[in-house]
Amino acid sequence: MSINDAEVKKQIEHMMAFIEQEAKEKVDEIDAKAEEEFNIEKGRLVQQERLKIMNFFEKKEKQVELQKKIQRSNQLNQSRLKTLKAMDDHIKGILDEAVQQLGRVTQDNSRYEQVLKGLITQGLFQLLEASVTIRCRQQDLNVVKKAKEVAVEEYKKATKKTTEVTVDEQSFLPSDCAGGVELLAKQGRIKVVNTLESRLEMMSRQMMPEIRETLFGVNTRRVFTD
């Protein structure tokens, strides 16, 4: 049975249509797969960049928070330093006023003589030297000589030792000194400063915790109380 040209053409067209359909479906399948892979890769990249951005801003937030903490700490420290300075200035003002009031002790000769006797005696016990020179204010010369005699007798009685004590009448303590004496031995190489200012300074250092507590109350931040 022979096939005419029309049927051959029809079969060829049918085959071509089938091939085209197959090709179209394959192209669609490739396009769909490519679109899917593109979307997956795009999502991965977007997520990756998103995480980078989140990490970046998280670090920035931590840096900002740390900077805030540092600033708060600095401000707190500055505030504490200002408070401490104000407290120290207040204490210094009180001690300066106390130094000025020391002069009142010298106005009562009998009382001042007892104070000088104690200061000289203490200095002799500290030096334990056979020869000592006392230096005082020029206006205190007479009362120092009287106090010296009593102090030397007390020293000899307590130590069973003799000591030659002289009062320097050439070199004096400054006139603005509140009072008291300096004791020198070994040609001035050894010195005991027992002026009223030095005694006040020593007592203020020893009693500073009590002074601060009296003026400003108990320090809650203090760990040790000894």
Protein backbone atom coordinates (compact mmCIF):
# COMPACT_ATOMS: atom_id res chain seq x y z
CA MET A 1 0.00 0.00 0.00
CA SER A 2 1.61 3.26 -1.05
CA ILE A 3 1.59 6.46 0.99
CA ASN A 4 0.94 9.57 -0.90
CA ASP A 5 2.80 12.80 -0.38
CA ALA A 6 0.01 14.37 1.65
CA GLU A 7 0.09 11.63 4.25
CA VAL A 8 3.90 11.75 4.43
CA LYS A 9 3.76 15.51 4.94
CA LYS A 10 1.12 15.08 7.61
CA GLN A 11 3.16 12.50 9.48
CA ILE A 12 6.25 14.70 9.26
CA GLU A 13 4.32 17.68 10.58
CA HIS A 14 2.96 15.53 13.39
CA MET A 15 6.46 14.35 14.29
CA MET A 16 7.76 17.90 14.20
CA ALA A 17 4.94 19.08 16.40
CA PHE A 18 5.72 16.27 18.85
CA ILE A 19 9.41 17.14 18.86
CA GLU A 20 8.63 20.83 19.34
CA GLN A 21 6.28 19.98 22.22
CA GLU A 22 8.97 17.79 23.81
CA ALA A 23 11.52 20.54 23.34
CA LYS A 24 9.16 23.13 24.78
CA GLU A 25 8.44 20.96 27.82
CA LYS A 26 12.16 20.37 28.28
CA VAL A 27 12.85 24.09 28.04
CA ASP A 28 10.07 24.77 30.52
CA GLU A 29 11.51 22.13 32.86
CA ILE A 30 15.01 23.64 32.57
CA ASP A 31 13.61 27.14 33.10
CA ALA A 32 11.64 25.97 36.14
CA LYS A 33 14.69 24.24 37.62
CA ALA A 34 16.87 27.25 36.89
CA GLU A 35 14.27 29.55 38.48
CA GLU A 36 14.13 27.29 41.53
CA GLU A 37 17.92 27.17 41.85
CA PHE A 38 18.06 30.94 41.33
CA ASN A 39 15.49 31.52 44.05
CA ILE A 40 17.33 29.14 46.40
CA GLU A 41 20.68 30.84 45.76
CA LYS A 42 19.08 34.27 46.01
CA GLY A 43 17.48 33.32 49.33
CA ARG A 44 20.81 31.96 50.59
CA LEU A 45 22.65 35.13 49.60
CA VAL A 46 19.93 37.34 51.05
CA GLN A 47 20.00 35.39 54.32
CA GLN A 48 23.79 35.51 54.36
CA GLU A 49 23.83 39.29 53.86
CA ARG A 50 21.01 39.66 56.36
CA LEU A 51 23.06 37.81 58.97
CA LYS A 52 26.06 39.98 58.15
CA ILE A 53 23.99 43.12 58.58
CA MET A 54 22.50 41.80 61.85
CA ASN A 55 25.97 40.91 63.15
CA PHE A 56 27.29 44.30 62.11
CA PHE A 57 24.54 46.19 63.92
CA GLU A 58 24.78 43.85 66.91
CA LYS A 59 28.48 44.70 67.20
CA LYS A 60 27.66 48.37 66.80
CA GLU A 61 25.03 48.15 69.54
CA LYS A 62 27.54 46.44 71.84
CA GLN A 63 30.13 49.11 71.05
CA VAL A 64 27.61 51.88 71.74
CA GLU A 65 26.56 50.19 74.99
CA LEU A 66 30.19 49.75 76.03
CA GLN A 67 30.89 53.38 75.21
CA LYS A 68 27.89 54.42 77.30
CA LYS A 69 29.16 52.34 80.21
CA ILE A 70 32.61 53.89 79.88
CA GLN A 71 31.11 57.38 79.78
CA ARG A 72 28.92 56.63 82.81
CA SER A 73 31.95 55.24 84.64
CA ASN A 74 34.03 58.29 83.75
CA GLN A 75 31.27 60.65 84.82
CA LEU A 76 30.85 58.73 88.07
CA ASN A 77 34.59 58.83 88.71
CA GLN A 78 34.68 62.55 87.95
CA SER A 79 31.80 63.09 90.32
CA ARG A 80 33.55 61.07 93.02
CA LEU A 81 36.79 62.98 92.49
CA LYS A 82 34.94 66.29 92.78
CA THR A 83 33.24 65.07 95.95
CA LEU A 84 36.55 63.88 97.43
CA LYS A 85 38.21 67.18 96.52
CA ALA A 86 35.39 69.12 98.14
CA MET A 87 35.72 66.95 101.26
CA ASP A 88 39.50 67.40 101.33
CA ASP A 89 39.14 71.16 100.84
CA HIS A 90 36.67 71.27 103.73
CA ILE A 91 39.03 69.31 106.00
CA LYS A 92 41.94 71.51 104.95
CA GLY A 93 39.91 74.59 105.81
CA ILE A 94 39.14 73.18 109.26
CA LEU A 95 42.81 72.31 109.86
CA ASP A 96 43.90 75.77 108.67
CA GLU A 97 41.45 77.29 111.13
CA ALA A 98 42.80 74.98 113.85
CA VAL A 99 46.36 76.18 113.12
CA GLN A 100 45.20 79.77 113.54
CA GLN A 101 43.57 78.91 116.84
CA LEU A 102 46.78 77.28 118.11
CA GLY A 103 48.07 80.77 118.77
CA ARG A 104 45.59 81.06 121.61
CA VAL A 105 47.57 78.47 123.56
CA THR A 106 50.62 80.75 123.62
CA GLN A 107 48.62 83.60 125.12
CA ASP A 108 48.32 81.77 128.45
CA ASN A 109 51.94 81.67 129.69
CA SER A 110 51.44 79.05 132.39
CA ARG A 111 49.53 76.73 130.08
CA TYR A 112 51.96 77.31 127.22
CA GLU A 113 54.89 76.56 129.53
CA GLN A 114 53.38 73.17 130.35
CA VAL A 115 52.88 72.46 126.64
CA LEU A 116 56.50 73.40 125.89
CA LYS A 117 57.75 71.26 128.77
CA GLY A 118 55.93 68.26 127.31
CA LEU A 119 57.23 68.93 123.79
CA ILE A 120 60.83 69.34 124.97
CA THR A 121 60.68 66.24 127.18
CA GLN A 122 59.31 64.15 124.35
CA GLY A 123 62.02 65.43 122.00
CA LEU A 124 64.75 64.54 124.52
CA PHE A 125 63.42 61.01 124.81
CA GLN A 126 63.44 60.71 121.03
CA LEU A 127 67.00 61.95 120.68
CA LEU A 128 68.67 60.40 123.74
CA GLU A 129 71.70 62.59 123.05
CA ALA A 130 74.23 64.09 125.49
CA SER A 131 74.03 67.49 123.84
CA VAL A 132 70.86 69.05 122.45
CA THR A 133 69.99 72.50 121.10
CA ILE A 134 66.48 73.92 121.24
CA ARG A 135 65.22 76.35 118.64
CA CYS A 136 62.06 78.38 119.28
CA ARG A 137 60.34 81.61 118.32
CA GLN A 138 62.11 84.72 119.50
CA GLN A 139 59.10 85.82 121.53
CA ASP A 140 59.05 82.44 123.30
CA LEU A 141 62.67 82.59 124.46
CA ASN A 142 62.03 83.18 128.17
CA VAL A 143 59.18 80.72 128.55
CA VAL A 144 61.15 78.05 126.64
CA LYS A 145 64.11 78.48 129.02
CA LYS A 146 61.82 77.88 131.99
CA ALA A 147 60.16 74.86 130.40
CA LYS A 148 63.58 73.46 129.43
CA GLU A 149 64.78 73.29 133.04
CA VAL A 150 61.77 71.22 134.12
CA ALA A 151 61.96 69.00 131.04
CA VAL A 152 65.68 68.25 131.59
CA GLU A 153 65.04 67.27 135.21
CA GLU A 154 62.23 64.90 134.15
CA TYR A 155 64.45 63.41 131.46
CA LYS A 156 67.36 62.84 133.89
CA LYS A 157 65.04 61.32 136.47
CA ALA A 158 63.51 58.90 133.97
CA THR A 159 66.68 57.89 132.07
CA LYS A 160 69.36 58.32 134.76
CA LYS A 161 71.39 60.12 132.08
CA THR A 162 72.70 63.63 131.88
CA THR A 163 72.21 65.86 128.87
CA GLU A 164 73.34 69.38 128.12
CA VAL A 165 70.46 71.35 126.65
CA THR A 166 70.94 74.88 125.34
CA VAL A 167 68.45 77.28 123.82
CA ASP A 168 69.56 78.84 120.53
CA GLU A 169 69.43 82.63 120.91
CA GLN A 170 70.74 83.40 117.44
CA SER A 171 68.53 81.37 115.11
CA PHE A 172 64.79 81.32 115.71
CA LEU A 173 61.71 79.70 114.29
CA PRO A 174 59.71 81.90 111.87
CA SER A 175 57.58 84.52 113.55
CA ASP A 176 54.46 83.21 111.79
CA CYS A 177 54.98 79.81 113.40
CA ALA A 178 52.18 79.03 115.87
CA GLY A 179 54.64 77.95 118.56
CA GLY A 180 56.50 74.94 119.87
CA VAL A 181 60.15 73.96 119.44
CA GLU A 182 62.68 72.14 117.32
CA LEU A 183 65.38 70.02 118.99
CA LEU A 184 68.69 69.47 117.20
CA ALA A 185 71.63 67.18 117.90
CA LYS A 186 74.87 66.17 116.16
CA GLN A 187 75.38 69.73 114.86
CA GLY A 188 71.91 69.79 113.35
CA ARG A 189 72.17 66.48 111.52
CA ILE A 190 69.44 65.05 113.75
CA LYS A 191 66.28 67.07 114.22
CA VAL A 192 63.01 66.56 116.06
CA VAL A 193 60.31 68.98 114.95
CA ASN A 194 57.85 69.54 117.77
CA THR A 195 56.15 72.72 116.66
CA LEU A 196 52.44 73.11 117.30
CA GLU A 197 51.79 72.86 113.55
CA SER A 198 53.75 69.61 113.25
CA ARG A 199 51.92 68.09 116.20
CA LEU A 200 48.57 69.11 114.73
CA GLU A 201 49.54 67.65 111.36
CA MET A 202 50.63 64.36 112.95
CA MET A 203 47.43 64.10 114.99
CA SER A 204 45.27 64.97 111.99
CA ARG A 205 46.93 62.19 109.93
CA GLN A 206 46.40 59.67 112.71
CA MET A 207 42.82 60.73 113.31
CA MET A 208 41.84 61.35 109.68
CA PRO A 209 39.39 58.36 109.53
CA GLU A 210 37.63 59.62 112.67
CA ILE A 211 37.62 63.20 111.36
CA ARG A 212 36.09 62.11 108.05
CA GLU A 213 33.49 59.98 109.78
CA THR A 214 32.54 62.83 112.10
CA LEU A 215 32.22 65.32 109.25
CA PHE A 216 30.75 63.15 106.50
CA GLY A 217 29.39 60.03 108.18
CA VAL A 218 30.40 56.40 107.79
CA ASN A 219 31.95 55.49 104.42
CA THR A 220 29.80 52.61 103.12
CA ARG A 221 32.46 51.74 100.54
CA ARG A 222 35.16 51.20 103.14
CA VAL A 223 36.11 47.52 103.46
CA PHE A 224 38.59 47.62 106.35
CA THR A 225 38.02 49.54 109.57
CA ASP A 226 41.36 48.84 111.27
